[in-house]
Amino acid sequence: MDERKTAMMFKAFCDENRIRILKLLCGGEKCACKLLEEMSISQPTLSHHMKILCDAGIVVGRKEGKWMHYRISPEGVQTAREYLSGFTTADPACESKSCCES
């Protein structure tokens, strides 16, 4: 598990606006103009948040005319699940060793 990619992935989930964006995208692909209406934020702010979500692989975008259309990436979601599972699943080999034993 690459620490840099993992940190980038989880950074995407660490902001209330990005969580709201993800909730909006759960209903399917949305144009940036619709996200702007729902979010009541500026276009540069939306672009900032979408860059973080796209760089993390959680969201993918496609350009249509002058607007971007965004959707949740099933592959990105699966990667996030795998990363989270890696942190939350105990490794029996590591559990058997005490940090205080010599």
N, C-alpha and C. Protein backbone atom coordinates (compact mmCIF):
# COMPACT_ATOMS: atom_id res chain seq x y z
N MET A 1 0.85 -1.18 0.00
CA MET A 1 0.00 0.00 0.00
C MET A 1 0.89 1.24 0.00
N ASP A 2 0.75 2.05 -1.00
CA ASP A 2 1.55 3.26 -1.16
C ASP A 2 1.02 4.34 -0.21
N GLU A 3 1.87 4.80 0.71
CA GLU A 3 1.43 5.77 1.73
C GLU A 3 0.98 7.10 1.12
N ARG A 4 1.66 7.55 0.08
CA ARG A 4 1.31 8.82 -0.53
C ARG A 4 -0.06 8.75 -1.19
N LYS A 5 -0.31 7.68 -1.93
CA LYS A 5 -1.60 7.51 -2.60
C LYS A 5 -2.71 7.32 -1.57
N THR A 6 -2.39 6.61 -0.50
CA THR A 6 -3.38 6.39 0.56
C THR A 6 -3.75 7.71 1.22
N ALA A 7 -2.76 8.54 1.53
CA ALA A 7 -3.03 9.84 2.15
C ALA A 7 -3.85 10.71 1.22
N MET A 8 -3.55 10.69 -0.08
CA MET A 8 -4.30 11.47 -1.05
C MET A 8 -5.76 11.00 -1.11
N MET A 9 -5.95 9.70 -1.06
CA MET A 9 -7.29 9.12 -1.11
C MET A 9 -8.11 9.59 0.10
N PHE A 10 -7.53 9.49 1.28
CA PHE A 10 -8.30 9.83 2.48
C PHE A 10 -8.43 11.34 2.68
N LYS A 11 -7.53 12.11 2.11
CA LYS A 11 -7.68 13.57 2.14
C LYS A 11 -8.98 13.97 1.45
N ALA A 12 -9.34 13.23 0.43
CA ALA A 12 -10.57 13.53 -0.32
C ALA A 12 -11.81 13.44 0.56
N PHE A 13 -11.76 12.64 1.60
CA PHE A 13 -12.91 12.45 2.48
C PHE A 13 -12.89 13.39 3.69
N CYS A 14 -11.90 14.23 3.80
CA CYS A 14 -11.69 15.04 5.01
C CYS A 14 -12.18 16.48 4.88
N ASP A 15 -13.25 16.69 4.17
CA ASP A 15 -13.79 18.04 4.03
C ASP A 15 -15.30 17.94 3.86
N GLU A 16 -16.04 18.77 4.58
CA GLU A 16 -17.51 18.74 4.53
C GLU A 16 -18.04 19.00 3.13
N ASN A 17 -17.43 19.92 2.40
CA ASN A 17 -17.89 20.20 1.03
C ASN A 17 -17.70 19.00 0.12
N ARG A 18 -16.58 18.32 0.26
CA ARG A 18 -16.34 17.15 -0.59
C ARG A 18 -17.29 16.02 -0.23
N ILE A 19 -17.62 15.88 1.03
CA ILE A 19 -18.60 14.86 1.44
C ILE A 19 -19.96 15.20 0.83
N ARG A 20 -20.34 16.48 0.85
CA ARG A 20 -21.60 16.90 0.23
C ARG A 20 -21.60 16.62 -1.27
N ILE A 21 -20.48 16.87 -1.92
CA ILE A 21 -20.36 16.60 -3.35
C ILE A 21 -20.56 15.11 -3.61
N LEU A 22 -19.91 14.27 -2.82
CA LEU A 22 -20.05 12.82 -2.99
C LEU A 22 -21.49 12.38 -2.79
N LYS A 23 -22.16 12.96 -1.81
CA LYS A 23 -23.58 12.62 -1.59
C LYS A 23 -24.41 13.00 -2.82
N LEU A 24 -24.13 14.17 -3.40
CA LEU A 24 -24.86 14.58 -4.60
C LEU A 24 -24.59 13.65 -5.78
N LEU A 25 -23.36 13.17 -5.88
CA LEU A 25 -23.00 12.28 -6.98
C LEU A 25 -23.51 10.86 -6.80
N CYS A 26 -23.95 10.53 -5.60
CA CYS A 26 -24.52 9.19 -5.38
C CYS A 26 -25.76 8.97 -6.24
N GLY A 27 -26.42 10.05 -6.62
CA GLY A 27 -27.60 9.95 -7.48
C GLY A 27 -27.25 9.81 -8.95
N GLY A 28 -25.99 9.79 -9.29
CA GLY A 28 -25.56 9.66 -10.68
C GLY A 28 -24.75 10.87 -11.12
N GLU A 29 -24.35 10.83 -12.37
CA GLU A 29 -23.51 11.88 -12.94
C GLU A 29 -24.21 13.24 -12.85
N LYS A 30 -23.40 14.26 -12.52
CA LYS A 30 -23.92 15.62 -12.42
C LYS A 30 -22.98 16.57 -13.13
N CYS A 31 -23.57 17.55 -13.78
CA CYS A 31 -22.81 18.63 -14.40
C CYS A 31 -22.30 19.55 -13.29
N ALA A 32 -21.16 20.16 -13.52
CA ALA A 32 -20.61 21.10 -12.54
C ALA A 32 -21.59 22.22 -12.25
N CYS A 33 -22.38 22.62 -13.25
CA CYS A 33 -23.35 23.70 -13.03
C CYS A 33 -24.39 23.28 -12.00
N LYS A 34 -24.81 22.03 -12.01
CA LYS A 34 -25.77 21.53 -11.01
C LYS A 34 -25.13 21.45 -9.63
N LEU A 35 -23.89 21.03 -9.57
CA LEU A 35 -23.18 20.99 -8.29
C LEU A 35 -23.06 22.39 -7.71
N LEU A 36 -22.75 23.35 -8.59
CA LEU A 36 -22.64 24.75 -8.13
C LEU A 36 -23.96 25.24 -7.54
N GLU A 37 -25.06 24.92 -8.19
CA GLU A 37 -26.38 25.33 -7.68
C GLU A 37 -26.66 24.72 -6.31
N GLU A 38 -26.36 23.45 -6.17
CA GLU A 38 -26.64 22.73 -4.93
C GLU A 38 -25.72 23.15 -3.78
N MET A 39 -24.49 23.48 -4.11
CA MET A 39 -23.48 23.72 -3.09
C MET A 39 -23.43 25.17 -2.62
N SER A 40 -23.85 26.10 -3.43
CA SER A 40 -23.75 27.52 -3.10
C SER A 40 -22.31 27.93 -2.79
N ILE A 41 -21.40 27.49 -3.66
CA ILE A 41 -19.99 27.86 -3.55
C ILE A 41 -19.57 28.45 -4.89
N SER A 42 -18.41 29.07 -4.93
CA SER A 42 -17.93 29.66 -6.17
C SER A 42 -17.38 28.57 -7.10
N GLN A 43 -17.28 28.91 -8.38
CA GLN A 43 -16.73 27.97 -9.35
C GLN A 43 -15.28 27.60 -9.05
N PRO A 44 -14.42 28.56 -8.66
CA PRO A 44 -13.05 28.17 -8.32
C PRO A 44 -12.99 27.22 -7.10
N THR A 45 -13.88 27.42 -6.15
CA THR A 45 -13.91 26.54 -4.97
C THR A 45 -14.35 25.14 -5.38
N LEU A 46 -15.37 25.06 -6.23
CA LEU A 46 -15.80 23.74 -6.72
C LEU A 46 -14.66 23.07 -7.48
N SER A 47 -13.98 23.81 -8.33
CA SER A 47 -12.86 23.24 -9.10
C SER A 47 -11.79 22.68 -8.17
N HIS A 48 -11.49 23.40 -7.11
CA HIS A 48 -10.50 22.95 -6.13
C HIS A 48 -10.91 21.60 -5.53
N HIS A 49 -12.17 21.53 -5.08
CA HIS A 49 -12.65 20.29 -4.47
C HIS A 49 -12.70 19.14 -5.48
N MET A 50 -13.11 19.44 -6.70
CA MET A 50 -13.19 18.39 -7.71
C MET A 50 -11.81 17.88 -8.09
N LYS A 51 -10.82 18.76 -8.10
CA LYS A 51 -9.45 18.32 -8.39
C LYS A 51 -8.98 17.32 -7.34
N ILE A 52 -9.25 17.61 -6.09
CA ILE A 52 -8.85 16.70 -5.01
C ILE A 52 -9.57 15.36 -5.15
N LEU A 53 -10.87 15.38 -5.41
CA LEU A 53 -11.63 14.14 -5.56
C LEU A 53 -11.18 13.35 -6.78
N CYS A 54 -10.90 14.05 -7.88
CA CYS A 54 -10.44 13.36 -9.09
C CYS A 54 -9.02 12.83 -8.94
N ASP A 55 -8.13 13.63 -8.34
CA ASP A 55 -6.75 13.17 -8.12
C ASP A 55 -6.71 11.93 -7.22
N ALA A 56 -7.66 11.85 -6.30
CA ALA A 56 -7.74 10.69 -5.40
C ALA A 56 -8.31 9.47 -6.11
N GLY A 57 -8.96 9.69 -7.25
CA GLY A 57 -9.54 8.58 -7.99
C GLY A 57 -10.96 8.25 -7.58
N ILE A 58 -11.53 9.00 -6.66
CA ILE A 58 -12.89 8.75 -6.18
C ILE A 58 -13.93 9.22 -7.19
N VAL A 59 -13.61 10.28 -7.91
CA VAL A 59 -14.52 10.87 -8.89
C VAL A 59 -13.80 10.96 -10.23
N VAL A 60 -14.55 10.78 -11.30
CA VAL A 60 -14.02 10.98 -12.65
C VAL A 60 -14.87 12.04 -13.34
N GLY A 61 -14.23 12.78 -14.21
CA GLY A 61 -14.93 13.83 -14.94
C GLY A 61 -14.77 13.68 -16.43
N ARG A 62 -15.74 14.22 -17.14
CA ARG A 62 -15.65 14.27 -18.60
C ARG A 62 -16.17 15.62 -19.04
N LYS A 63 -15.53 16.17 -20.04
CA LYS A 63 -15.89 17.50 -20.53
C LYS A 63 -16.94 17.35 -21.63
N GLU A 64 -17.97 18.17 -21.52
CA GLU A 64 -19.00 18.23 -22.56
C GLU A 64 -19.29 19.70 -22.80
N GLY A 65 -18.87 20.19 -23.95
CA GLY A 65 -18.99 21.62 -24.22
C GLY A 65 -18.09 22.39 -23.26
N LYS A 66 -18.67 23.38 -22.60
CA LYS A 66 -17.86 24.16 -21.66
C LYS A 66 -17.96 23.63 -20.23
N TRP A 67 -18.78 22.61 -20.01
CA TRP A 67 -18.99 22.11 -18.65
C TRP A 67 -18.34 20.75 -18.44
N MET A 68 -17.97 20.51 -17.20
CA MET A 68 -17.49 19.20 -16.78
C MET A 68 -18.66 18.45 -16.15
N HIS A 69 -18.70 17.15 -16.40
CA HIS A 69 -19.69 16.27 -15.79
C HIS A 69 -18.92 15.28 -14.93
N TYR A 70 -19.39 15.08 -13.71
CA TYR A 70 -18.67 14.25 -12.75
C TYR A 70 -19.53 13.08 -12.29
N ARG A 71 -18.84 11.99 -11.98
CA ARG A 71 -19.51 10.82 -11.41
C ARG A 71 -18.54 10.11 -10.47
N ILE A 72 -19.10 9.32 -9.59
CA ILE A 72 -18.28 8.52 -8.69
C ILE A 72 -17.64 7.39 -9.48
N SER A 73 -16.38 7.12 -9.21
CA SER A 73 -15.65 6.04 -9.89
C SER A 73 -15.78 4.75 -9.09
N PRO A 74 -16.41 3.73 -9.66
CA PRO A 74 -16.51 2.45 -8.94
C PRO A 74 -15.13 1.87 -8.59
N GLU A 75 -14.17 2.06 -9.48
CA GLU A 75 -12.82 1.56 -9.23
C GLU A 75 -12.19 2.31 -8.05
N GLY A 76 -12.38 3.62 -8.00
CA GLY A 76 -11.85 4.43 -6.91
C GLY A 76 -12.48 4.05 -5.58
N VAL A 77 -13.77 3.79 -5.60
CA VAL A 77 -14.47 3.38 -4.38
C VAL A 77 -13.92 2.04 -3.90
N GLN A 78 -13.69 1.11 -4.82
CA GLN A 78 -13.14 -0.19 -4.44
C GLN A 78 -11.73 -0.03 -3.85
N THR A 79 -10.93 0.84 -4.42
CA THR A 79 -9.59 1.09 -3.89
C THR A 79 -9.68 1.65 -2.48
N ALA A 80 -10.59 2.60 -2.25
CA ALA A 80 -10.76 3.17 -0.91
C ALA A 80 -11.17 2.09 0.09
N ARG A 81 -12.05 1.19 -0.33
CA ARG A 81 -12.45 0.08 0.55
C ARG A 81 -11.26 -0.81 0.90
N GLU A 82 -10.44 -1.09 -0.10
CA GLU A 82 -9.27 -1.93 0.14
C GLU A 82 -8.28 -1.26 1.09
N TYR A 83 -8.05 0.04 0.89
CA TYR A 83 -7.15 0.77 1.78
C TYR A 83 -7.69 0.76 3.21
N LEU A 84 -8.98 1.05 3.37
CA LEU A 84 -9.57 1.08 4.70
C LEU A 84 -9.52 -0.30 5.34
N SER A 85 -9.77 -1.32 4.57
CA SER A 85 -9.69 -2.68 5.10
C SER A 85 -8.27 -3.00 5.57
N GLY A 86 -7.29 -2.52 4.83
CA GLY A 86 -5.89 -2.75 5.22
C GLY A 86 -5.54 -2.14 6.56
N PHE A 87 -6.22 -1.04 6.91
CA PHE A 87 -5.96 -0.38 8.19
C PHE A 87 -6.78 -0.97 9.33
N THR A 88 -7.88 -1.60 9.00
CA THR A 88 -8.81 -2.03 10.05
C THR A 88 -8.85 -3.53 10.25
N THR A 89 -8.04 -4.26 9.50
CA THR A 89 -7.98 -5.70 9.65
C THR A 89 -6.69 -6.05 10.40
N ALA A 90 -6.87 -6.73 11.53
CA ALA A 90 -5.70 -7.10 12.34
C ALA A 90 -4.88 -8.17 11.64
N ASP A 91 -3.58 -8.04 11.73
CA ASP A 91 -2.65 -9.03 11.19
C ASP A 91 -2.23 -9.93 12.34
N PRO A 92 -2.65 -11.20 12.34
CA PRO A 92 -2.31 -12.10 13.44
C PRO A 92 -0.80 -12.22 13.68
N ALA A 93 0.00 -12.11 12.65
CA ALA A 93 1.45 -12.21 12.81
C ALA A 93 1.99 -11.06 13.65
N CYS A 94 1.40 -9.88 13.51
CA CYS A 94 1.84 -8.72 14.27
C CYS A 94 1.27 -8.73 15.69
N GLU A 95 0.08 -9.29 15.87
CA GLU A 95 -0.56 -9.30 17.18
C GLU A 95 0.17 -10.18 18.19
N SER A 96 0.83 -11.23 17.72
CA SER A 96 1.45 -12.18 18.64
C SER A 96 2.71 -11.62 19.31
N LYS A 97 3.28 -10.59 18.77
CA LYS A 97 4.50 -10.02 19.33
C LYS A 97 4.16 -8.86 20.26
N SER A 98 4.74 -8.87 21.42
CA SER A 98 4.54 -7.76 22.34
C SER A 98 5.63 -6.73 22.10
N CYS A 99 5.29 -5.47 22.20
CA CYS A 99 6.28 -4.43 21.97
C CYS A 99 7.28 -4.37 23.12
N CYS A 100 6.94 -4.97 24.24
CA CYS A 100 7.80 -4.89 25.42
C CYS A 100 8.68 -6.12 25.62
N GLU A 101 8.51 -7.13 24.77
CA GLU A 101 9.33 -8.34 24.92
C GLU A 101 10.69 -8.11 24.29
N SER A 102 11.70 -8.71 24.91
CA SER A 102 13.04 -8.57 24.33
C SER A 102 13.40 -9.74 23.48
